């Protein structure tokens, strides 16, 4: 199912943040030395460099395989508690969810996938028996070394020990109660979380501790944006029917907010339904909220891929709803005196689960395809920046490979304003700031780091907004907005521009 929904990701190249991991693995950027994202940002790319070099398809296949493994793990955990049919329904909701699009279409999204996978393993280990439970703090530590957004997992484990977790077999209440107050595994997991949070703050990875201006990418704080983010993320969780979704953007999404409010109201109502409450409704909702909480204070980052881990909890909730509905129908049949009520209910449950899984897969594939191929107006570019920049990066790679750049080359990348559609005369004349297309090219190539990763013989890369003779006499790459380019010497370009002055 994961392959069916996200299979087209296999055909795209690297882009933007992907090149940071590739650069660290190749010594273009300094390696990560502390634990912060070391597994997903350093170790993963070191291993993949040895295995796959610069074959983007291999990295994308690894992401897709990891997502399939996480989905299978969720299905097994849910099936253990609620039965195979409910496990399939819940895992299918997660596996095919279109909000996971960016995590699967961006190679650097591997951090979200690995972090959630290790967190799921921590949940399963915590609910195991005997010494295997000590794998929970270890798995949690691995999760934090992939991405820090699961830092509040110990609170969810504490709650699950009281209310029941998806992987926990039915057990008498006293068996769970006995390990709540002074559970050494739980204490160890809390210690791991506290250490991870302390190291994150000490490292000040995004400059948060020092204080960031409100316009900074990772600016955090309290305010109306917290509620807007919450309603947006909740809305994205359920507002996924392809005919109803008018557009997809990584920003606060007002059209999704009513759906988010409805979801929060429905979850609150479910707390008063005994059949849901007995099955862990509170714990599932709390898990999703705790995994979402770290990103809610971000003022300027509202991204679909932040839902990767919280959607595991959403899948858990779907399994609870499915199992409660199945049990209710079976009980109704039994009360009506139907002798074969239980076998019939079991078969009906299996059919319903497969039907739901097929529906989730078809809907997810349709919405992902639409997002992936949506054009950016009449520019010839894609509206989705992840896909668009991967296409640009591939075109740049292909063009520079054809040019056979010499050892020690200095490269100037120039996208002439004449090539950029829709610019006003004032914007075309203003060379003091980047246009959208110039900023898009910079982002696709990560400020030129991509070129140095792909072509180690290139000594330096810079972006220019207008042609002017340079005493350093770099090679010039004249780039279209889609990344297709031609390389020329400074003298060759000067002669071309003299013959075609309109290109300036």
Protein backbone atom coordinates (compact mmCIF):
# COMPACT_ATOMS: atom_id res chain seq x y z
CA UNK A 1 0.00 0.00 0.00
CA UNK A 2 2.82 2.41 0.85
CA UNK A 3 4.36 1.69 -2.56
CA UNK A 4 1.02 2.17 -4.35
CA UNK A 5 0.40 5.60 -2.84
CA UNK A 6 3.93 7.04 -2.90
CA UNK A 7 5.61 5.04 -5.68
CA UNK A 8 6.21 8.05 -7.94
CA UNK A 9 8.66 9.43 -5.37
CA UNK A 10 11.15 6.86 -6.68
CA UNK A 11 11.58 8.83 -9.90
CA UNK A 12 12.75 12.12 -8.41
CA UNK A 13 16.22 13.43 -7.64
CA UNK A 14 17.73 15.00 -4.54
CA UNK A 15 16.82 18.58 -3.61
CA UNK A 16 17.36 21.29 -1.00
CA UNK A 17 17.97 19.79 2.49
CA UNK A 18 18.87 16.39 1.02
CA UNK A 19 22.18 17.89 -0.05
CA UNK A 20 23.10 18.77 3.55
CA UNK A 21 23.21 15.09 4.51
CA UNK A 22 25.03 14.20 1.30
CA UNK A 23 27.53 17.02 1.93
CA UNK A 24 28.28 15.88 5.47
CA UNK A 25 28.86 12.32 4.25
CA UNK A 26 31.33 13.60 1.64
CA UNK A 27 33.19 16.13 3.76
CA UNK A 28 31.81 19.18 1.96
CA UNK A 29 30.16 20.21 5.24
CA UNK A 30 31.43 19.38 8.75
CA UNK A 31 29.97 16.16 10.19
CA UNK A 32 27.42 16.20 12.97
CA UNK A 33 29.28 15.49 16.20
CA UNK A 34 26.62 15.53 18.91
CA UNK A 35 23.57 13.29 19.29
CA UNK A 36 21.17 15.81 17.72
CA UNK A 37 19.75 14.09 14.61
CA UNK A 38 22.98 12.15 14.29
CA UNK A 39 21.32 8.95 13.05
CA UNK A 40 19.13 10.56 10.39
CA UNK A 41 21.46 13.41 9.47
CA UNK A 42 24.87 11.70 9.59
CA UNK A 43 24.88 7.92 10.05
CA UNK A 44 22.12 7.29 7.53
CA UNK A 45 23.88 9.28 4.82
CA UNK A 46 27.25 7.70 5.66
CA UNK A 47 25.74 4.23 5.22
CA UNK A 48 23.85 5.17 2.08
CA UNK A 49 26.97 6.72 0.58
CA UNK A 50 28.74 3.38 0.95
CA UNK A 51 25.75 1.44 -0.39
CA UNK A 52 24.30 3.69 -3.09
CA UNK A 53 26.66 6.58 -3.76
CA UNK A 54 24.66 9.34 -5.43
CA UNK A 55 21.84 7.18 -6.82
CA UNK A 56 18.77 9.09 -5.66
CA UNK A 57 16.42 6.18 -6.41
CA UNK A 58 18.16 4.05 -3.77
CA UNK A 59 17.66 6.69 -1.08
CA UNK A 60 14.03 7.07 -2.05
CA UNK A 61 13.51 3.31 -2.03
CA UNK A 62 15.00 3.23 1.47
CA UNK A 63 12.53 5.89 2.62
CA UNK A 64 9.62 4.01 1.08
CA UNK A 65 10.78 0.75 2.64
CA UNK A 66 11.16 2.38 6.05
CA UNK A 67 7.64 3.80 5.79
CA UNK A 68 6.29 0.38 4.85
CA UNK A 69 8.08 -1.12 7.85
CA UNK A 70 6.62 1.47 10.23
CA UNK A 71 3.15 0.84 8.78
CA UNK A 72 3.57 -2.92 9.21
CA UNK A 73 4.75 -2.42 12.78
CA UNK A 74 1.67 -0.35 13.53
CA UNK A 75 -0.58 -3.01 11.97
CA UNK A 76 0.98 -5.73 14.12
CA UNK A 77 0.73 -3.67 17.30
CA UNK A 78 -2.91 -2.81 16.67
CA UNK A 79 -3.82 -6.35 15.60
CA UNK A 80 -2.36 -7.72 18.81
CA UNK A 81 -4.87 -5.75 20.84
CA UNK A 82 -7.86 -5.24 18.57
CA UNK A 83 -7.64 -8.04 16.01
CA UNK A 84 -6.34 -8.24 12.47
CA UNK A 85 -9.23 -6.40 10.84
CA UNK A 86 -8.99 -3.36 13.12
CA UNK A 87 -5.21 -3.42 12.82
CA UNK A 88 -5.47 -3.33 9.04
CA UNK A 89 -7.94 -0.44 9.09
CA UNK A 90 -5.83 1.66 11.45
CA UNK A 91 -2.52 0.95 9.73
CA UNK A 92 -4.01 1.60 6.28
CA UNK A 93 -5.23 5.01 7.42
CA UNK A 94 -1.67 5.84 8.43
CA UNK A 95 0.19 4.18 5.56
CA UNK A 96 -1.82 5.89 2.82
CA UNK A 97 -2.35 9.27 4.46
CA UNK A 98 -1.62 12.04 1.92
CA UNK A 99 -0.14 14.33 4.58
CA UNK A 100 2.90 12.02 4.62
CA UNK A 101 3.63 13.17 1.07
CA UNK A 102 6.56 15.46 1.90
CA UNK A 103 8.20 12.96 4.24
CA UNK A 104 8.24 10.40 1.41
CA UNK A 105 9.03 12.78 -1.46
CA UNK A 106 11.99 14.35 0.34
CA UNK A 107 15.05 12.20 1.02
CA UNK A 108 15.80 14.22 4.15
CA UNK A 109 12.33 13.29 5.43
CA UNK A 110 13.90 10.02 6.58
CA UNK A 111 14.31 11.63 10.00
CA UNK A 112 10.55 11.75 10.52
CA UNK A 113 10.16 8.12 9.46
CA UNK A 114 12.99 6.69 11.56
CA UNK A 115 12.06 8.73 14.62
CA UNK A 116 8.46 7.54 14.49
CA UNK A 117 9.55 3.96 13.85
CA UNK A 118 11.83 3.86 16.89
CA UNK A 119 9.14 5.55 19.00
CA UNK A 120 6.66 2.86 17.95
CA UNK A 121 9.25 0.25 18.90
CA UNK A 122 9.60 1.93 22.30
CA UNK A 123 5.84 1.69 22.82
CA UNK A 124 5.84 -1.99 21.89
CA UNK A 125 8.84 -2.77 24.12
CA UNK A 126 7.33 -0.93 27.06
CA UNK A 127 4.27 -3.18 26.87
CA UNK A 128 6.31 -6.38 26.54
CA UNK A 129 7.12 -8.80 29.35
CA UNK A 130 10.29 -9.27 31.33
CA UNK A 131 13.69 -7.96 30.32
CA UNK A 132 12.48 -7.02 26.83
CA UNK A 133 10.85 -3.96 28.38
CA UNK A 134 14.30 -2.43 28.82
CA UNK A 135 14.44 -2.00 25.08
CA UNK A 136 11.95 0.87 25.49
CA UNK A 137 14.40 3.52 26.75
CA UNK A 138 16.98 2.35 24.20
CA UNK A 139 14.51 2.65 21.32
CA UNK A 140 13.41 6.04 22.63
CA UNK A 141 17.02 7.25 22.63
CA UNK A 142 17.36 6.15 19.01
CA UNK A 143 14.13 7.99 18.17
CA UNK A 144 15.49 11.23 19.64
CA UNK A 145 18.72 10.83 17.69
CA UNK A 146 16.64 10.81 14.51
CA UNK A 147 14.28 13.70 15.33
CA UNK A 148 13.51 15.43 18.60
CA UNK A 149 9.74 15.77 18.14
CA UNK A 150 9.03 12.54 20.07
CA UNK A 151 10.61 13.93 23.25
CA UNK A 152 7.32 13.77 25.19
CA UNK A 153 6.91 10.03 24.61
CA UNK A 154 7.55 9.18 28.30
CA UNK A 155 4.35 11.01 29.24
CA UNK A 156 2.46 8.85 26.75
CA UNK A 157 4.07 5.72 28.19
CA UNK A 158 3.03 6.75 31.69
CA UNK A 159 -0.53 7.19 30.48
CA UNK A 160 -0.52 3.94 28.51
CA UNK A 161 0.55 2.03 31.60
CA UNK A 162 -2.69 3.20 33.18
CA UNK A 163 -5.07 2.96 30.24
CA UNK A 164 -3.57 0.33 27.93
CA UNK A 165 -1.43 0.72 24.82
CA UNK A 166 -2.07 -0.64 21.35
CA UNK A 167 0.44 -3.42 21.68
CA UNK A 168 -0.55 -4.47 25.19
CA UNK A 169 -2.32 -7.81 25.53
CA UNK A 170 -5.37 -7.91 27.71
CA UNK A 171 -4.23 -8.09 31.31
CA UNK A 172 -5.94 -7.74 34.67
CA UNK A 173 -5.96 -4.17 35.97
CA UNK A 174 -3.69 -4.99 38.92
CA UNK A 175 -0.96 -6.18 36.51
CA UNK A 176 -0.78 -2.77 34.89
CA UNK A 177 -1.31 -0.82 38.10
CA UNK A 178 1.60 -2.51 39.80
CA UNK A 179 4.12 -1.01 37.44
CA UNK A 180 2.80 2.55 37.33
CA UNK A 181 4.31 4.47 40.25
CA UNK A 182 7.93 3.32 40.47
CA UNK A 183 8.41 1.43 37.23
CA UNK A 184 12.19 1.49 36.63
CA UNK A 185 11.72 1.20 32.86
CA UNK A 186 9.45 4.22 32.88
CA UNK A 187 11.91 6.15 35.04
CA UNK A 188 14.73 5.28 32.66
CA UNK A 189 12.65 6.46 29.71
CA UNK A 190 11.93 9.76 31.46
CA UNK A 191 15.67 10.11 32.13
CA UNK A 192 16.43 9.58 28.44
CA UNK A 193 13.86 12.24 27.52
CA UNK A 194 15.24 14.71 30.04
CA UNK A 195 18.79 14.12 28.81
CA UNK A 196 17.70 14.52 25.19
CA UNK A 197 15.93 17.79 25.94
CA UNK A 198 18.93 19.09 27.89
CA UNK A 199 21.35 18.23 25.09
CA UNK A 200 19.05 19.82 22.51
CA UNK A 201 18.90 23.06 24.49
CA UNK A 202 22.63 23.01 25.25
CA UNK A 203 23.44 22.56 21.58
CA UNK A 204 21.03 25.37 20.66
CA UNK A 205 20.62 23.81 17.21
CA UNK A 206 18.30 26.48 15.83
CA UNK A 207 19.33 29.38 18.05
CA UNK A 208 16.13 29.05 20.08
CA UNK A 209 17.87 29.37 23.44
CA UNK A 210 19.54 32.60 22.41
CA UNK A 211 16.22 34.04 21.25
CA UNK A 212 15.10 34.44 17.66
CA UNK A 213 13.31 37.31 15.93
CA UNK A 214 9.70 36.66 15.02
CA UNK A 215 10.58 36.35 11.34
CA UNK A 216 13.18 33.60 11.88
CA UNK A 217 12.40 30.16 10.48
CA UNK A 218 12.40 28.44 13.88
CA UNK A 219 11.00 31.31 15.93
CA UNK A 220 8.89 29.96 18.79
CA UNK A 221 6.47 31.51 21.22
CA UNK A 222 2.94 31.54 22.50
CA UNK A 223 0.10 33.32 20.76
CA UNK A 224 -2.74 32.89 18.32
CA UNK A 225 -0.48 30.92 15.99
CA UNK A 226 -0.47 27.98 18.44
CA UNK A 227 -4.24 27.57 18.07
CA UNK A 228 -4.01 28.13 14.31
CA UNK A 229 -1.35 25.43 14.05
CA UNK A 230 -3.37 23.01 16.18
CA UNK A 231 -6.53 23.46 14.11
CA UNK A 232 -4.53 23.21 10.87
CA UNK A 233 -2.80 19.96 11.86
CA UNK A 234 -6.04 18.48 13.19
CA UNK A 235 -7.76 19.52 9.97
CA UNK A 236 -5.07 17.95 7.81
CA UNK A 237 -5.60 14.69 9.73
CA UNK A 238 -9.20 14.25 8.52
CA UNK A 239 -9.65 16.69 5.62
CA UNK A 240 -8.19 14.25 3.08
CA UNK A 241 -11.02 13.34 0.70
CA UNK A 242 -9.63 14.20 -2.72
CA UNK A 243 -12.81 15.85 -4.10
CA UNK A 244 -12.97 18.18 -1.06
CA UNK A 245 -9.32 19.26 -0.87
CA UNK A 246 -8.89 22.35 -3.05
CA UNK A 247 -5.19 22.88 -2.51
CA UNK A 248 -2.25 21.72 -0.43
CA UNK A 249 0.25 24.13 1.06
CA UNK A 250 2.73 23.97 3.92
CA UNK A 251 1.33 26.90 5.88
CA UNK A 252 -1.50 27.66 8.27
CA UNK A 253 -4.56 26.46 6.35
CA UNK A 254 -7.83 28.31 7.19
CA UNK A 255 -10.02 26.00 5.03
CA UNK A 256 -8.80 23.02 7.08
CA UNK A 257 -9.49 24.63 10.45
CA UNK A 258 -13.24 23.81 10.67
CA UNK A 259 -12.34 20.18 10.03
CA UNK A 260 -9.77 20.40 12.81
CA UNK A 261 -12.32 21.85 15.22
CA UNK A 262 -14.74 19.07 14.30
CA UNK A 263 -12.06 16.43 14.95
CA UNK A 264 -11.23 17.87 18.38
CA UNK A 265 -14.93 17.97 19.25
CA UNK A 266 -15.40 14.37 18.08
CA UNK A 267 -12.43 13.16 20.11
CA UNK A 268 -13.73 14.94 23.22
CA UNK A 269 -17.14 13.36 22.70
CA UNK A 270 -15.49 9.95 22.42
CA UNK A 271 -14.18 10.31 25.96
CA UNK A 272 -17.76 9.88 27.15
CA UNK A 273 -18.33 6.69 25.15
CA UNK A 274 -17.46 3.68 27.36
CA UNK A 275 -16.71 1.39 24.41
CA UNK A 276 -14.08 3.82 23.13
CA UNK A 277 -12.70 4.73 26.53
CA UNK A 278 -12.15 1.06 27.43
CA UNK A 279 -10.13 0.55 24.27
CA UNK A 280 -7.65 3.37 24.95
CA UNK A 281 -9.30 6.39 23.32
CA UNK A 282 -7.73 8.78 25.84
CA UNK A 283 -4.26 7.31 25.45
CA UNK A 284 -4.41 7.42 21.65
CA UNK A 285 -5.47 11.05 21.59
CA UNK A 286 -2.92 12.01 24.21
CA UNK A 287 -0.13 10.30 22.27
CA UNK A 288 -0.98 12.27 19.14
CA UNK A 289 -1.19 15.51 21.10
CA UNK A 290 2.14 14.92 22.84
CA UNK A 291 3.90 14.21 19.56
CA UNK A 292 2.37 17.30 17.99
CA UNK A 293 2.96 19.64 20.93
CA UNK A 294 6.66 20.43 20.22
CA UNK A 295 5.87 21.99 16.81
CA UNK A 296 2.78 23.98 17.77
CA UNK A 297 4.74 27.02 19.11
CA UNK A 298 6.61 27.44 15.79
CA UNK A 299 5.54 30.77 14.30
CA UNK A 300 6.69 30.21 10.73
CA UNK A 301 6.81 26.44 10.19
CA UNK A 302 3.54 24.59 9.63
CA UNK A 303 4.49 21.53 7.60
CA UNK A 304 2.57 18.39 6.66
CA UNK A 305 5.49 16.10 7.49
CA UNK A 306 5.31 17.16 11.15
CA UNK A 307 2.21 14.94 11.24
CA UNK A 308 4.18 11.76 10.55
CA UNK A 309 4.44 10.59 14.18
CA UNK A 310 1.05 11.99 15.32
CA UNK A 311 -0.66 10.09 12.51
CA UNK A 312 0.43 6.84 14.16
CA UNK A 313 -1.87 7.85 17.01
CA UNK A 314 -4.58 8.72 14.50
CA UNK A 315 -4.27 5.22 13.06
CA UNK A 316 -4.61 3.85 16.58
CA UNK A 317 -7.84 5.85 16.97
CA UNK A 318 -9.19 4.47 13.69
CA UNK A 319 -8.52 0.94 14.94
CA UNK A 320 -10.37 1.71 18.17
CA UNK A 321 -13.38 3.03 16.25
CA UNK A 322 -13.36 0.00 13.96
CA UNK A 323 -13.12 -2.49 16.82
CA UNK A 324 -15.84 -0.77 18.83
CA UNK A 325 -18.16 -0.75 15.81
CA UNK A 326 -17.43 -4.41 15.07
CA UNK A 327 -18.05 -5.42 18.67
CA UNK A 328 -21.26 -3.42 18.77
CA UNK A 329 -22.62 -5.10 15.65
CA UNK A 330 -21.64 -8.54 16.94
CA UNK A 331 -23.35 -7.88 20.27
CA UNK A 332 -26.47 -6.69 18.51
CA UNK A 333 -26.57 -9.87 16.42
CA UNK A 334 -26.07 -12.02 19.51
CA UNK A 335 -28.92 -10.28 21.31
CA UNK A 336 -31.12 -10.92 18.28
CA UNK A 337 -30.47 -14.64 18.72
CA UNK A 338 -28.41 -15.17 15.59
CA UNK A 339 -26.49 -18.42 16.14
CA UNK A 340 -23.88 -17.57 13.54
CA UNK A 341 -23.57 -13.94 14.65
CA UNK A 342 -19.91 -14.14 15.65
CA UNK A 343 -18.52 -15.84 12.47
CA UNK A 344 -20.62 -13.56 10.28
CA UNK A 345 -19.44 -10.50 12.19
CA UNK A 346 -15.85 -11.70 11.79
CA UNK A 347 -16.19 -12.10 8.04
CA UNK A 348 -17.98 -8.78 7.73
CA UNK A 349 -15.22 -7.12 9.74
CA UNK A 350 -12.55 -8.51 7.43
CA UNK A 351 -14.44 -7.36 4.34
CA UNK A 352 -14.98 -3.91 5.86
CA UNK A 353 -11.29 -3.61 6.78
CA UNK A 354 -10.14 -4.50 3.28
CA UNK A 355 -12.68 -2.10 1.79
CA UNK A 356 -11.47 0.71 4.04
CA UNK A 357 -7.85 -0.06 3.21
CA UNK A 358 -8.63 0.06 -0.51
CA UNK A 359 -10.50 3.34 -0.07
CA UNK A 360 -7.65 4.91 1.91
CA UNK A 361 -5.12 3.75 -0.69
CA UNK A 362 -7.13 4.98 -3.69
CA UNK A 363 -7.82 8.34 -2.09
CA UNK A 364 -4.23 8.81 -0.92
CA UNK A 365 -2.83 7.92 -4.34
CA UNK A 366 -5.22 10.30 -6.10
CA UNK A 367 -4.45 13.26 -3.84
CA UNK A 368 -0.70 12.62 -3.88
CA UNK A 369 -0.74 12.45 -7.68
CA UNK A 370 -2.65 15.70 -7.89
CA UNK A 371 -0.27 17.47 -5.52
CA UNK A 372 2.76 16.11 -7.34
CA UNK A 373 1.70 17.19 -10.83
CA UNK A 374 -0.08 20.47 -10.10
CA UNK A 375 1.51 23.24 -12.20
CA UNK A 376 2.63 26.59 -10.84
CA UNK A 377 0.42 28.73 -13.03
CA UNK A 378 1.80 29.10 -16.54
CA UNK A 379 5.45 29.07 -15.45
CA UNK A 380 6.19 25.50 -16.51
CA UNK A 381 7.18 24.69 -12.93
CA UNK A 382 5.45 22.51 -10.33
CA UNK A 383 3.40 24.08 -7.55
CA UNK A 384 4.84 21.70 -4.95
CA UNK A 385 8.33 22.99 -4.08
CA UNK A 386 9.68 19.58 -3.05
CA UNK A 387 8.99 18.06 -6.46
CA UNK A 388 9.81 21.24 -8.37
CA UNK A 389 13.24 21.62 -6.77
CA UNK A 390 14.08 17.95 -7.30
CA UNK A 391 13.38 18.43 -11.02
CA UNK A 392 15.51 21.59 -11.08
CA UNK A 393 18.40 19.86 -9.29
CA UNK A 394 18.35 16.96 -11.75
CA UNK A 395 18.40 19.34 -14.73
CA UNK A 396 21.32 21.25 -13.23
CA UNK A 397 23.18 17.99 -12.58
CA UNK A 398 22.61 16.83 -16.17
CA UNK A 399 23.67 20.15 -17.68
CA UNK A 400 26.86 20.41 -15.67
CA UNK A 401 27.74 16.77 -16.39
CA UNK A 402 27.54 17.49 -20.13
CA UNK A 403 29.85 20.49 -19.71
CA UNK A 404 32.79 18.44 -18.37
CA UNK A 405 33.87 21.07 -15.82
CA UNK A 406 37.63 21.39 -15.30
CA UNK A 407 39.40 20.73 -12.02
CA UNK A 408 39.21 23.70 -9.63
CA UNK A 409 36.43 25.41 -11.57
CA UNK A 410 34.60 28.42 -10.19
CA UNK A 411 31.00 28.53 -11.34
CA UNK A 412 28.61 31.47 -11.58
CA UNK A 413 24.94 30.49 -11.87
CA UNK A 414 22.77 33.07 -13.61
CA UNK A 415 19.07 32.87 -14.43
CA UNK A 416 18.50 35.85 -16.76
CA UNK A 417 15.45 37.91 -15.90
CA UNK A 418 14.38 37.56 -19.55
CA UNK A 419 13.86 33.84 -18.86
CA UNK A 420 11.60 34.49 -15.85
CA UNK A 421 7.91 34.73 -16.75
CA UNK A 422 5.51 37.12 -15.07
CA UNK A 423 8.03 39.63 -13.74
CA UNK A 424 6.94 43.24 -13.61
CA UNK A 425 9.32 45.77 -15.21
CA UNK A 426 10.26 47.02 -11.75
CA UNK A 427 11.04 43.51 -10.47
CA UNK A 428 13.03 42.69 -13.59
CA UNK A 429 15.13 45.82 -13.13
CA UNK A 430 15.74 45.40 -9.39
CA UNK A 431 18.94 43.38 -9.03
CA UNK A 432 19.26 44.08 -5.30
CA UNK A 433 17.01 41.15 -4.37
CA UNK A 434 16.19 37.67 -5.60
CA UNK A 435 13.08 36.99 -7.62
CA UNK A 436 11.01 33.90 -6.78
CA UNK A 437 12.79 31.93 -9.51
CA UNK A 438 16.26 32.90 -8.29
CA UNK A 439 15.40 32.02 -4.69
CA UNK A 440 13.89 28.75 -5.91
CA UNK A 441 17.12 27.87 -7.72
CA UNK A 442 19.18 28.67 -4.62
CA UNK A 443 16.93 26.48 -2.48
CA UNK A 444 16.97 23.59 -4.94
CA UNK A 445 20.78 23.60 -4.91
CA UNK A 446 21.11 24.52 -1.23
CA UNK A 447 23.05 27.70 -1.93
CA UNK A 448 25.41 25.84 -4.27
CA UNK A 449 26.34 23.01 -1.90
CA UNK A 450 24.58 20.61 -4.28
CA UNK A 451 27.01 21.45 -7.07
CA UNK A 452 30.03 20.85 -4.84
CA UNK A 453 28.58 17.50 -3.70
CA UNK A 454 27.82 16.33 -7.23
CA UNK A 455 30.99 17.77 -8.80
CA UNK A 456 33.92 17.64 -6.35
CA UNK A 457 36.14 19.26 -8.97
CA UNK A 458 34.20 22.53 -8.58
CA UNK A 459 35.99 24.79 -6.11
CA UNK A 460 33.35 27.47 -5.59
CA UNK A 461 29.79 28.29 -6.62
CA UNK A 462 27.98 31.60 -6.53
CA UNK A 463 24.65 32.93 -7.73
CA UNK A 464 24.38 36.21 -9.62
CA UNK A 465 21.38 38.31 -10.61
CA UNK A 466 22.92 40.03 -13.62
CA UNK A 467 25.89 39.46 -15.91
CA UNK A 468 28.96 41.59 -15.37
CA UNK A 469 32.54 40.75 -16.36
CA UNK A 470 34.36 39.24 -13.40
CA UNK A 471 38.15 39.55 -12.99
CA UNK A 472 38.18 35.99 -11.58
CA UNK A 473 36.79 34.83 -14.94
CA UNK A 474 34.49 32.05 -13.67
CA UNK A 475 32.62 29.65 -15.88
CA UNK A 476 29.06 30.85 -16.36
CA UNK A 477 26.02 28.57 -16.20
CA UNK A 478 23.05 30.27 -17.84
CA UNK A 479 20.07 28.58 -16.20
CA UNK A 480 16.41 28.49 -17.11
CA UNK A 481 13.83 28.56 -14.33
CA UNK A 482 13.45 24.76 -14.59
CA UNK A 483 17.19 24.16 -14.13
CA UNK A 484 18.07 23.40 -17.76
CA UNK A 485 21.37 25.18 -18.39
CA UNK A 486 24.26 25.83 -20.70
CA UNK A 487 27.82 26.46 -19.55
CA UNK A 488 29.99 29.06 -21.28
CA UNK A 489 33.21 30.91 -20.63
CA UNK A 490 32.97 34.57 -19.73
CA UNK A 491 34.15 35.62 -23.18
CA UNK A 492 31.67 33.31 -24.93
CA UNK A 493 28.81 34.65 -22.83
CA UNK A 494 29.82 38.24 -23.46
CA UNK A 495 29.76 37.64 -27.22
CA UNK A 496 26.37 35.93 -27.00
CA UNK A 497 24.90 38.81 -25.02
CA UNK A 498 26.31 41.34 -27.46
CA UNK A 499 24.40 39.53 -30.21
CA UNK A 500 21.25 39.14 -28.10
CA UNK A 501 21.05 42.11 -25.72
CA UNK A 502 17.42 41.30 -24.84
CA UNK A 503 18.62 38.39 -22.67
CA UNK A 504 20.12 40.74 -20.13
